[in-house]
Amino acid sequence: MSDAFTPERFTVDVPGGELLVARWGSGETVVIAAHGVTATHMGWPRLAEHLGDDVTLLAPDLRGRGGSRDIEGPFGIPEHADDLARVLDHEGVARAIFLGHSMGGFVVSTAAVRHPERVAGLVIADGAIRLLEPPPDVDVEALLQQIIGPSLDRLRMTFPTVEAYRAFWRAHPALAGAWSPFVEAYVDYDLIGEPPSLRSGVREDAVLRDSADTLMNDEVIGAIGRITQPAIFVRSERGVMNDPTPLYEAAAVAAYPHLTDVFVPDTNHFTLLLGEAGARALADAVRTVARA
């Protein structure tokens, strides 16, 4: 396998514990990346290959995921945003391009408002814009079960072998036709425990708190409208389950005229990050922001 699968990994002391961070490349241009709600830093190797050694890509496992799962909180999007600034402090980096996929889009847009001096520009992939406005009396946990129920269900499942977990993911509509060594590495890294009781390393309490922020926290959902740095919004053609309706239509992005809209055909919400066309588009967006 390529070196993309074995980044340098280190930890950063943060409130509540240690944050695991991966580093690819060594260039002067620094990108710090925030993954999605049940993902880890192993969603980024394909992008790392496209960026090459002339870019330094820093990607933490956010609190409650992967190598950062033992952090005892606090959870929430603002804390993730502050953690990105803490990683830059640790690395002695004054400013970076902030890149976020899905929930990570909310993280980087919130960071751009909380730490504007650290953000040279943003690339947001299928995230940061609230998908629906809950009614005032909504049962948030019930609503989250409706929206991200399949992801929550996976966190509660156990698997007898690594291959059984791979088979579970191979059957996912978004990945059934897109399996690759990058997807397999992403899936394998997520597992913790021992056979026959392997399970995802993502903590449900972190997922619930972070997801609630993307629906109900005014600081988080309003951040996309308050960023002032150069920003590119990269969006997929299809949705989470490879359905024909994308998460974000052109009109949703057009509501924020300060965003540059980039549409990537023949991608879904997962392959926008894990597939070849999506990773290439994200790398192009990073280089565009770097030149701005």
C-alpha atoms as a PDB file:
ATOM      1  CA  MET A   1       0.000   0.000   0.000  1.00  0.00           C
ATOM      2  CA  SER A   2       0.947   3.618  -0.502  1.00  0.00           C
ATOM      3  CA  ASP A   3       2.416   5.800   2.240  1.00  0.00           C
ATOM      4  CA  ALA A   4      -0.973   7.516   2.254  1.00  0.00           C
ATOM      5  CA  PHE A   5      -2.186   4.679   4.494  1.00  0.00           C
ATOM      6  CA  THR A   6       0.543   5.175   7.095  1.00  0.00           C
ATOM      7  CA  PRO A   7       0.684   8.863   7.987  1.00  0.00           C
ATOM      8  CA  GLU A   8       2.778  10.121  10.851  1.00  0.00           C
ATOM      9  CA  ARG A   9       0.543  10.093  13.932  1.00  0.00           C
ATOM     10  CA  PHE A  10       0.991  12.127  17.110  1.00  0.00           C
ATOM     11  CA  THR A  11      -1.122  13.345  20.022  1.00  0.00           C
ATOM     12  CA  VAL A  12      -2.059  16.810  21.242  1.00  0.00           C
ATOM     13  CA  ASP A  13      -3.097  17.540  24.816  1.00  0.00           C
ATOM     14  CA  VAL A  14      -6.588  19.045  24.885  1.00  0.00           C
ATOM     15  CA  PRO A  15      -9.120  19.570  27.672  1.00  0.00           C
ATOM     16  CA  GLY A  16     -10.358  16.110  28.620  1.00  0.00           C
ATOM     17  CA  GLY A  17      -7.521  14.025  27.208  1.00  0.00           C
ATOM     18  CA  GLU A  18      -5.325  13.512  24.145  1.00  0.00           C
ATOM     19  CA  LEU A  19      -6.329  14.158  20.545  1.00  0.00           C
ATOM     20  CA  LEU A  20      -4.803  11.849  17.940  1.00  0.00           C
ATOM     21  CA  VAL A  21      -3.671  13.670  14.792  1.00  0.00           C
ATOM     22  CA  ALA A  22      -2.384  12.345  11.457  1.00  0.00           C
ATOM     23  CA  ARG A  23       0.093  14.231   9.276  1.00  0.00           C
ATOM     24  CA  TRP A  24       0.757  13.749   5.568  1.00  0.00           C
ATOM     25  CA  GLY A  25       3.246  15.772   3.535  1.00  0.00           C
ATOM     26  CA  SER A  26       5.644  18.495   4.596  1.00  0.00           C
ATOM     27  CA  GLY A  27       4.925  21.518   2.426  1.00  0.00           C
ATOM     28  CA  GLU A  28       4.528  25.140   3.483  1.00  0.00           C
ATOM     29  CA  THR A  29       0.834  25.136   2.614  1.00  0.00           C
ATOM     30  CA  VAL A  30      -0.961  23.649   5.621  1.00  0.00           C
ATOM     31  CA  VAL A  31      -4.442  22.140   5.487  1.00  0.00           C
ATOM     32  CA  ILE A  32      -6.267  21.043   8.622  1.00  0.00           C
ATOM     33  CA  ALA A  33      -9.174  18.688   8.011  1.00  0.00           C
ATOM     34  CA  ALA A  34     -12.277  17.786  10.032  1.00  0.00           C
ATOM     35  CA  HIS A  35     -14.108  14.549   9.199  1.00  0.00           C
ATOM     36  CA  GLY A  36     -17.787  13.609   9.359  1.00  0.00           C
ATOM     37  CA  VAL A  37     -19.948  12.578  12.289  1.00  0.00           C
ATOM     38  CA  THR A  38     -19.020   8.863  12.440  1.00  0.00           C
ATOM     39  CA  ALA A  39     -15.758   9.035  10.491  1.00  0.00           C
ATOM     40  CA  THR A  40     -12.050   9.295  11.396  1.00  0.00           C
ATOM     41  CA  HIS A  41      -8.850  10.696   9.925  1.00  0.00           C
ATOM     42  CA  MET A  42      -8.685   7.620   7.676  1.00  0.00           C
ATOM     43  CA  GLY A  43     -11.171   9.274   5.356  1.00  0.00           C
ATOM     44  CA  TRP A  44      -8.371  11.523   4.064  1.00  0.00           C
ATOM     45  CA  PRO A  45      -5.623   9.265   2.542  1.00  0.00           C
ATOM     46  CA  ARG A  46      -6.961   9.543  -1.003  1.00  0.00           C
ATOM     47  CA  LEU A  47      -6.930  13.330  -0.755  1.00  0.00           C
ATOM     48  CA  ALA A  48      -3.430  13.165   0.739  1.00  0.00           C
ATOM     49  CA  GLU A  49      -2.208  11.346  -2.365  1.00  0.00           C
ATOM     50  CA  HIS A  50      -3.655  14.052  -4.607  1.00  0.00           C
ATOM     51  CA  LEU A  51      -2.171  16.865  -2.532  1.00  0.00           C
ATOM     52  CA  GLY A  52       1.277  15.279  -2.464  1.00  0.00           C
ATOM     53  CA  ASP A  53       4.278  16.215  -0.369  1.00  0.00           C
ATOM     54  CA  ASP A  54       4.123  19.926  -1.195  1.00  0.00           C
ATOM     55  CA  VAL A  55       1.122  20.298   1.166  1.00  0.00           C
ATOM     56  CA  THR A  56       1.052  19.457   4.866  1.00  0.00           C
ATOM     57  CA  LEU A  57      -2.282  17.820   5.674  1.00  0.00           C
ATOM     58  CA  LEU A  58      -3.196  17.606   9.367  1.00  0.00           C
ATOM     59  CA  ALA A  59      -6.248  15.544  10.286  1.00  0.00           C
ATOM     60  CA  PRO A  60      -7.325  14.747  13.833  1.00  0.00           C
ATOM     61  CA  ASP A  61      -9.637  12.030  14.967  1.00  0.00           C
ATOM     62  CA  LEU A  62     -12.245  14.326  16.461  1.00  0.00           C
ATOM     63  CA  ARG A  63     -13.287  13.816  20.087  1.00  0.00           C
ATOM     64  CA  GLY A  64     -15.089  10.517  20.582  1.00  0.00           C
ATOM     65  CA  ARG A  65     -13.710   8.881  17.415  1.00  0.00           C
ATOM     66  CA  GLY A  66     -10.781   6.642  16.567  1.00  0.00           C
ATOM     67  CA  GLY A  67      -7.659   7.383  18.559  1.00  0.00           C
ATOM     68  CA  SER A  68      -9.454  10.248  20.328  1.00  0.00           C
ATOM     69  CA  ARG A  69     -12.400   8.171  21.555  1.00  0.00           C
ATOM     70  CA  ASP A  70     -11.231   8.152  25.189  1.00  0.00           C
ATOM     71  CA  ILE A  71     -11.426  11.918  25.610  1.00  0.00           C
ATOM     72  CA  GLU A  72     -14.027  12.476  28.305  1.00  0.00           C
ATOM     73  CA  GLY A  73     -15.515  15.550  26.731  1.00  0.00           C
ATOM     74  CA  PRO A  74     -16.667  18.160  26.437  1.00  0.00           C
ATOM     75  CA  PHE A  75     -18.153  17.250  23.074  1.00  0.00           C
ATOM     76  CA  GLY A  76     -19.842  19.599  20.614  1.00  0.00           C
ATOM     77  CA  ILE A  77     -18.961  21.443  17.416  1.00  0.00           C
ATOM     78  CA  PRO A  78     -17.416  24.523  19.114  1.00  0.00           C
ATOM     79  CA  GLU A  79     -15.042  22.273  21.065  1.00  0.00           C
ATOM     80  CA  HIS A  80     -13.975  20.519  17.852  1.00  0.00           C
ATOM     81  CA  ALA A  81     -13.391  23.941  16.288  1.00  0.00           C
ATOM     82  CA  ASP A  82     -11.188  24.955  19.215  1.00  0.00           C
ATOM     83  CA  ASP A  83      -9.316  21.642  18.955  1.00  0.00           C
ATOM     84  CA  LEU A  84      -8.322  22.491  15.375  1.00  0.00           C
ATOM     85  CA  ALA A  85      -6.749  25.704  16.655  1.00  0.00           C
ATOM     86  CA  ARG A  86      -5.010  23.691  19.395  1.00  0.00           C
ATOM     87  CA  VAL A  87      -3.507  21.376  16.774  1.00  0.00           C
ATOM     88  CA  LEU A  88      -2.143  24.388  14.889  1.00  0.00           C
ATOM     89  CA  ASP A  89      -0.704  25.745  18.154  1.00  0.00           C
ATOM     90  CA  HIS A  90       1.005  22.405  18.768  1.00  0.00           C
ATOM     91  CA  GLU A  91       2.519  22.457  15.276  1.00  0.00           C
ATOM     92  CA  GLY A  92       3.523  26.125  15.413  1.00  0.00           C
ATOM     93  CA  VAL A  93       1.296  26.985  12.428  1.00  0.00           C
ATOM     94  CA  ALA A  94      -0.148  30.487  12.386  1.00  0.00           C
ATOM     95  CA  ARG A  95      -2.706  30.031   9.590  1.00  0.00           C
ATOM     96  CA  ALA A  96      -4.025  27.136   7.552  1.00  0.00           C
ATOM     97  CA  ILE A  97      -6.689  26.180   5.043  1.00  0.00           C
ATOM     98  CA  PHE A  98      -9.580  24.580   6.924  1.00  0.00           C
ATOM     99  CA  LEU A  99     -11.256  21.639   5.175  1.00  0.00           C
ATOM    100  CA  GLY A 100     -14.391  19.910   6.436  1.00  0.00           C
ATOM    101  CA  HIS A 101     -16.557  17.074   5.144  1.00  0.00           C
ATOM    102  CA  SER A 102     -20.180  16.655   6.279  1.00  0.00           C
ATOM    103  CA  MET A 103     -20.276  17.459  10.019  1.00  0.00           C
ATOM    104  CA  GLY A 104     -16.696  18.613   9.593  1.00  0.00           C
ATOM    105  CA  GLY A 105     -18.051  21.446   7.469  1.00  0.00           C
ATOM    106  CA  PHE A 106     -19.841  22.783  10.536  1.00  0.00           C
ATOM    107  CA  VAL A 107     -16.611  22.382  12.510  1.00  0.00           C
ATOM    108  CA  VAL A 108     -14.474  24.407  10.105  1.00  0.00           C
ATOM    109  CA  SER A 109     -17.065  27.129   9.521  1.00  0.00           C
ATOM    110  CA  THR A 110     -17.437  27.506  13.296  1.00  0.00           C
ATOM    111  CA  ALA A 111     -13.648  27.640  13.591  1.00  0.00           C
ATOM    112  CA  ALA A 112     -13.551  30.386  10.952  1.00  0.00           C
ATOM    113  CA  VAL A 113     -15.778  32.541  13.173  1.00  0.00           C
ATOM    114  CA  ARG A 114     -14.206  31.640  16.520  1.00  0.00           C
ATOM    115  CA  HIS A 115     -10.601  31.816  15.254  1.00  0.00           C
ATOM    116  CA  PRO A 116     -10.653  33.985  12.120  1.00  0.00           C
ATOM    117  CA  GLU A 117      -6.969  34.859  12.385  1.00  0.00           C
ATOM    118  CA  ARG A 118      -6.058  31.162  11.991  1.00  0.00           C
ATOM    119  CA  VAL A 119      -8.120  30.515   8.852  1.00  0.00           C
ATOM    120  CA  ALA A 120      -6.567  31.383   5.493  1.00  0.00           C
ATOM    121  CA  GLY A 121      -9.557  29.963   3.614  1.00  0.00           C
ATOM    122  CA  LEU A 122     -12.058  27.127   3.655  1.00  0.00           C
ATOM    123  CA  VAL A 123     -13.073  24.107   1.606  1.00  0.00           C
ATOM    124  CA  ILE A 124     -16.422  22.689   2.711  1.00  0.00           C
ATOM    125  CA  ALA A 125     -17.590  19.352   1.296  1.00  0.00           C
ATOM    126  CA  ASP A 126     -21.302  18.563   1.674  1.00  0.00           C
ATOM    127  CA  GLY A 127     -21.640  20.252   5.057  1.00  0.00           C
ATOM    128  CA  ALA A 128     -22.050  23.406   7.154  1.00  0.00           C
ATOM    129  CA  ILE A 129     -25.522  24.324   5.839  1.00  0.00           C
ATOM    130  CA  ARG A 130     -28.343  23.087   8.055  1.00  0.00           C
ATOM    131  CA  LEU A 131     -30.466  20.532   6.233  1.00  0.00           C
ATOM    132  CA  LEU A 132     -33.723  21.255   8.067  1.00  0.00           C
ATOM    133  CA  GLU A 133     -35.110  23.575  10.724  1.00  0.00           C
ATOM    134  CA  PRO A 134     -36.616  21.618  13.626  1.00  0.00           C
ATOM    135  CA  PRO A 135     -39.880  22.860  15.170  1.00  0.00           C
ATOM    136  CA  PRO A 136     -39.493  24.532  18.592  1.00  0.00           C
ATOM    137  CA  ASP A 137     -40.922  21.604  20.565  1.00  0.00           C
ATOM    138  CA  VAL A 138     -39.021  18.849  18.762  1.00  0.00           C
ATOM    139  CA  ASP A 139     -37.682  15.763  20.545  1.00  0.00           C
ATOM    140  CA  VAL A 140     -34.083  16.170  19.408  1.00  0.00           C
ATOM    141  CA  GLU A 141     -33.035  12.573  20.053  1.00  0.00           C
ATOM    142  CA  ALA A 142     -36.027  11.244  18.114  1.00  0.00           C
ATOM    143  CA  LEU A 143     -35.266  13.625  15.267  1.00  0.00           C
ATOM    144  CA  LEU A 144     -31.629  12.520  15.192  1.00  0.00           C
ATOM    145  CA  GLN A 145     -32.724   8.896  15.074  1.00  0.00           C
ATOM    146  CA  GLN A 146     -34.805   9.798  12.020  1.00  0.00           C
ATOM    147  CA  ILE A 147     -31.937  11.623  10.298  1.00  0.00           C
ATOM    148  CA  ILE A 148     -28.871   9.539  11.188  1.00  0.00           C
ATOM    149  CA  GLY A 149     -30.594   6.364  12.384  1.00  0.00           C
ATOM    150  CA  PRO A 150     -28.524   3.975  10.213  1.00  0.00           C
ATOM    151  CA  SER A 151     -25.301   5.486  11.554  1.00  0.00           C
ATOM    152  CA  LEU A 152     -26.492   5.204  15.147  1.00  0.00           C
ATOM    153  CA  ASP A 153     -27.614   1.621  14.569  1.00  0.00           C
ATOM    154  CA  ARG A 154     -24.137   0.691  13.298  1.00  0.00           C
ATOM    155  CA  LEU A 155     -22.557   2.016  16.485  1.00  0.00           C
ATOM    156  CA  ARG A 156     -24.704  -0.408  18.499  1.00  0.00           C
ATOM    157  CA  MET A 157     -23.830  -3.474  16.419  1.00  0.00           C
ATOM    158  CA  THR A 158     -21.103  -6.084  16.922  1.00  0.00           C
ATOM    159  CA  PHE A 159     -19.311  -8.124  14.259  1.00  0.00           C
ATOM    160  CA  PRO A 160     -17.605 -11.507  14.567  1.00  0.00           C
ATOM    161  CA  THR A 161     -14.714 -10.745  12.205  1.00  0.00           C
ATOM    162  CA  VAL A 162     -13.077  -7.909  10.300  1.00  0.00           C
ATOM    163  CA  GLU A 163     -14.376  -9.440   7.076  1.00  0.00           C
ATOM    164  CA  ALA A 164     -17.932  -9.355   8.438  1.00  0.00           C
ATOM    165  CA  TYR A 165     -17.576  -5.615   9.039  1.00  0.00           C
ATOM    166  CA  ARG A 166     -16.177  -5.133   5.552  1.00  0.00           C
ATOM    167  CA  ALA A 167     -19.138  -7.071   4.162  1.00  0.00           C
ATOM    168  CA  PHE A 168     -21.509  -4.796   6.068  1.00  0.00           C
ATOM    169  CA  TRP A 169     -19.936  -1.768   4.426  1.00  0.00           C
ATOM    170  CA  ARG A 170     -19.650  -3.401   0.987  1.00  0.00           C
ATOM    171  CA  ALA A 171     -23.440  -3.660   1.006  1.00  0.00           C
ATOM    172  CA  HIS A 172     -23.850   0.072   1.658  1.00  0.00           C
ATOM    173  CA  PRO A 173     -25.508   1.621  -1.430  1.00  0.00           C
ATOM    174  CA  ALA A 174     -22.982   4.452  -1.513  1.00  0.00           C
ATOM    175  CA  LEU A 175     -19.980   2.122  -1.519  1.00  0.00           C
ATOM    176  CA  ALA A 176     -21.208  -1.058  -3.219  1.00  0.00           C
ATOM    177  CA  GLY A 177     -19.701  -0.005  -6.537  1.00  0.00           C
ATOM    178  CA  ALA A 178     -16.834   2.036  -5.165  1.00  0.00           C
ATOM    179  CA  TRP A 179     -14.843  -0.367  -2.987  1.00  0.00           C
ATOM    180  CA  SER A 180     -11.103   0.293  -2.984  1.00  0.00           C
ATOM    181  CA  PRO A 181      -8.070  -0.032  -0.699  1.00  0.00           C
ATOM    182  CA  PHE A 182      -8.918   3.484   0.543  1.00  0.00           C
ATOM    183  CA  VAL A 183     -12.416   2.441   1.578  1.00  0.00           C
ATOM    184  CA  GLU A 184     -11.133  -0.764   3.149  1.00  0.00           C
ATOM    185  CA  ALA A 185      -8.542   1.095   5.219  1.00  0.00           C
ATOM    186  CA  TYR A 186     -11.222   3.563   6.324  1.00  0.00           C
ATOM    187  CA  VAL A 187     -13.510   0.706   7.413  1.00  0.00           C
ATOM    188  CA  ASP A 188     -10.815  -1.351   9.141  1.00  0.00           C
ATOM    189  CA  TYR A 189      -9.508   1.572  11.209  1.00  0.00           C
ATOM    190  CA  ASP A 190     -12.971   2.106  12.678  1.00  0.00           C
ATOM    191  CA  LEU A 191     -13.031  -1.281  14.436  1.00  0.00           C
ATOM    192  CA  ILE A 192     -12.183  -1.833  18.102  1.00  0.00           C
ATOM    193  CA  GLY A 193     -12.470  -4.842  20.405  1.00  0.00           C
ATOM    194  CA  GLU A 194     -11.768  -8.493  19.758  1.00  0.00           C
ATOM    195  CA  PRO A 195     -13.588 -11.149  17.702  1.00  0.00           C
ATOM    196  CA  PRO A 196     -16.369 -12.110  17.938  1.00  0.00           C
ATOM    197  CA  SER A 197     -17.403  -8.751  19.423  1.00  0.00           C
ATOM    198  CA  LEU A 198     -15.796  -6.189  17.127  1.00  0.00           C
ATOM    199  CA  ARG A 199     -17.550  -2.847  16.939  1.00  0.00           C
ATOM    200  CA  SER A 200     -17.146   0.717  15.770  1.00  0.00           C
ATOM    201  CA  GLY A 201     -14.865   2.881  17.878  1.00  0.00           C
ATOM    202  CA  VAL A 202     -17.146   5.904  17.492  1.00  0.00           C
ATOM    203  CA  ARG A 203     -18.889   6.975  20.701  1.00  0.00           C
ATOM    204  CA  GLU A 204     -22.644   7.419  20.498  1.00  0.00           C
ATOM    205  CA  ASP A 205     -22.725  10.182  23.121  1.00  0.00           C
ATOM    206  CA  ALA A 206     -20.332  12.271  21.027  1.00  0.00           C
ATOM    207  CA  VAL A 207     -22.361  11.689  17.862  1.00  0.00           C
ATOM    208  CA  LEU A 208     -25.625  12.709  19.539  1.00  0.00           C
ATOM    209  CA  ARG A 209     -24.191  15.895  21.030  1.00  0.00           C
ATOM    210  CA  ASP A 210     -22.417  16.949  17.839  1.00  0.00           C
ATOM    211  CA  SER A 211     -25.440  16.211  15.657  1.00  0.00           C
ATOM    212  CA  ALA A 212     -27.712  18.226  17.930  1.00  0.00           C
ATOM    213  CA  ASP A 213     -25.373  21.201  17.493  1.00  0.00           C
ATOM    214  CA  THR A 214     -25.790  21.040  13.700  1.00  0.00           C
ATOM    215  CA  LEU A 215     -29.568  21.367  14.159  1.00  0.00           C
ATOM    216  CA  MET A 216     -30.079  23.543  17.227  1.00  0.00           C
ATOM    217  CA  ASN A 217     -26.941  25.520  18.122  1.00  0.00           C
ATOM    218  CA  ASP A 218     -27.251  29.041  16.692  1.00  0.00           C
ATOM    219  CA  GLU A 219     -23.498  29.611  16.824  1.00  0.00           C
ATOM    220  CA  VAL A 220     -22.908  26.512  14.703  1.00  0.00           C
ATOM    221  CA  ILE A 221     -25.723  26.783  12.182  1.00  0.00           C
ATOM    222  CA  GLY A 222     -25.140  30.502  11.697  1.00  0.00           C
ATOM    223  CA  ALA A 223     -21.387  30.237  11.160  1.00  0.00           C
ATOM    224  CA  ILE A 224     -21.615  29.573   7.407  1.00  0.00           C
ATOM    225  CA  GLY A 225     -23.203  32.975   6.914  1.00  0.00           C
ATOM    226  CA  ARG A 226     -20.572  34.824   8.951  1.00  0.00           C
ATOM    227  CA  ILE A 227     -17.326  33.575   7.451  1.00  0.00           C
ATOM    228  CA  THR A 228     -15.257  36.212   5.676  1.00  0.00           C
ATOM    229  CA  GLN A 229     -12.376  34.117   4.334  1.00  0.00           C
ATOM    230  CA  PRO A 230     -12.266  32.684   0.780  1.00  0.00           C
ATOM    231  CA  ALA A 231     -14.533  29.639   0.779  1.00  0.00           C
ATOM    232  CA  ILE A 232     -15.336  26.904  -1.726  1.00  0.00           C
ATOM    233  CA  PHE A 233     -18.338  24.607  -1.281  1.00  0.00           C
ATOM    234  CA  VAL A 234     -17.807  21.221  -2.968  1.00  0.00           C
ATOM    235  CA  ARG A 235     -20.982  19.164  -3.336  1.00  0.00           C
ATOM    236  CA  SER A 236     -21.836  15.716  -4.579  1.00  0.00           C
ATOM    237  CA  GLU A 237     -24.384  14.742  -7.203  1.00  0.00           C
ATOM    238  CA  ARG A 238     -26.101  12.125  -5.030  1.00  0.00           C
ATOM    239  CA  GLY A 239     -26.978  11.617  -1.391  1.00  0.00           C
ATOM    240  CA  VAL A 240     -25.857   9.537   1.579  1.00  0.00           C
ATOM    241  CA  MET A 241     -27.454   6.328   0.314  1.00  0.00           C
ATOM    242  CA  ASN A 242     -26.435   7.021  -3.300  1.00  0.00           C
ATOM    243  CA  ASP A 243     -29.966   8.323  -3.816  1.00  0.00           C
ATOM    244  CA  PRO A 244     -30.534  10.711  -6.716  1.00  0.00           C
ATOM    245  CA  THR A 245     -31.332  13.641  -4.433  1.00  0.00           C
ATOM    246  CA  PRO A 246     -28.124  15.316  -3.225  1.00  0.00           C
ATOM    247  CA  LEU A 247     -27.763  16.643   0.287  1.00  0.00           C
ATOM    248  CA  TYR A 248     -27.262  20.127  -1.119  1.00  0.00           C
ATOM    249  CA  GLU A 249     -28.905  21.519  -4.222  1.00  0.00           C
ATOM    250  CA  ALA A 250     -27.435  24.523  -6.033  1.00  0.00           C
ATOM    251  CA  ALA A 251     -30.098  26.790  -4.496  1.00  0.00           C
ATOM    252  CA  ALA A 252     -28.951  25.951  -0.967  1.00  0.00           C
ATOM    253  CA  VAL A 253     -25.418  27.089  -1.750  1.00  0.00           C
ATOM    254  CA  ALA A 254     -26.601  30.101  -3.745  1.00  0.00           C
ATOM    255  CA  ALA A 255     -28.230  31.427  -0.564  1.00  0.00           C
ATOM    256  CA  TYR A 256     -24.671  32.182   0.573  1.00  0.00           C
ATOM    257  CA  PRO A 257     -23.173  34.294  -2.238  1.00  0.00           C
ATOM    258  CA  HIS A 258     -19.750  34.398  -0.581  1.00  0.00           C
ATOM    259  CA  LEU A 259     -19.360  30.658  -1.300  1.00  0.00           C
ATOM    260  CA  THR A 260     -17.923  29.394  -4.582  1.00  0.00           C
ATOM    261  CA  ASP A 261     -20.045  26.423  -5.650  1.00  0.00           C
ATOM    262  CA  VAL A 262     -18.259  23.381  -7.110  1.00  0.00           C
ATOM    263  CA  PHE A 263     -20.447  20.488  -8.264  1.00  0.00           C
ATOM    264  CA  VAL A 264     -18.795  17.068  -8.670  1.00  0.00           C
ATOM    265  CA  PRO A 265     -20.714  14.743 -11.021  1.00  0.00           C
ATOM    266  CA  ASP A 266     -20.965  11.015 -10.435  1.00  0.00           C
ATOM    267  CA  THR A 267     -20.240  11.234  -6.702  1.00  0.00           C
ATOM    268  CA  ASN A 268     -22.284  10.648  -3.586  1.00  0.00           C
ATOM    269  CA  HIS A 269     -21.803  11.921  -0.040  1.00  0.00           C
ATOM    270  CA  PHE A 270     -19.269   9.154   0.718  1.00  0.00           C
ATOM    271  CA  THR A 271     -17.373   9.019  -2.561  1.00  0.00           C
ATOM    272  CA  LEU A 272     -16.991  12.791  -2.521  1.00  0.00           C
ATOM    273  CA  LEU A 273     -14.292  11.990   0.027  1.00  0.00           C
ATOM    274  CA  LEU A 274     -13.365   8.350  -0.575  1.00  0.00           C
ATOM    275  CA  GLY A 275     -13.621   8.180  -4.378  1.00  0.00           C
ATOM    276  CA  GLU A 276     -11.163   9.277  -7.050  1.00  0.00           C
ATOM    277  CA  ALA A 277     -13.247  12.046  -8.627  1.00  0.00           C
ATOM    278  CA  GLY A 278     -14.206  13.520  -5.272  1.00  0.00           C
ATOM    279  CA  ALA A 279     -10.666  13.513  -3.870  1.00  0.00           C
ATOM    280  CA  ARG A 280      -9.375  15.145  -7.052  1.00  0.00           C
ATOM    281  CA  ALA A 281     -12.021  17.872  -6.819  1.00  0.00           C
ATOM    282  CA  LEU A 282     -11.193  18.529  -3.177  1.00  0.00           C
ATOM    283  CA  ALA A 283      -7.484  18.770  -3.959  1.00  0.00           C
ATOM    284  CA  ASP A 284      -8.230  21.233  -6.769  1.00  0.00           C
ATOM    285  CA  ALA A 285     -10.344  23.306  -4.373  1.00  0.00           C
ATOM    286  CA  VAL A 286      -7.541  23.357  -1.804  1.00  0.00           C
ATOM    287  CA  ARG A 287      -5.084  24.618  -4.424  1.00  0.00           C
ATOM    288  CA  THR A 288      -7.560  27.270  -5.568  1.00  0.00           C
ATOM    289  CA  VAL A 289      -7.962  28.564  -2.009  1.00  0.00           C
ATOM    290  CA  ALA A 290      -4.189  28.477  -1.512  1.00  0.00           C
ATOM    291  CA  ARG A 291      -3.773  30.783  -4.511  1.00  0.00           C
ATOM    292  CA  ALA A 292      -6.464  33.234  -3.363  1.00  0.00           C
END
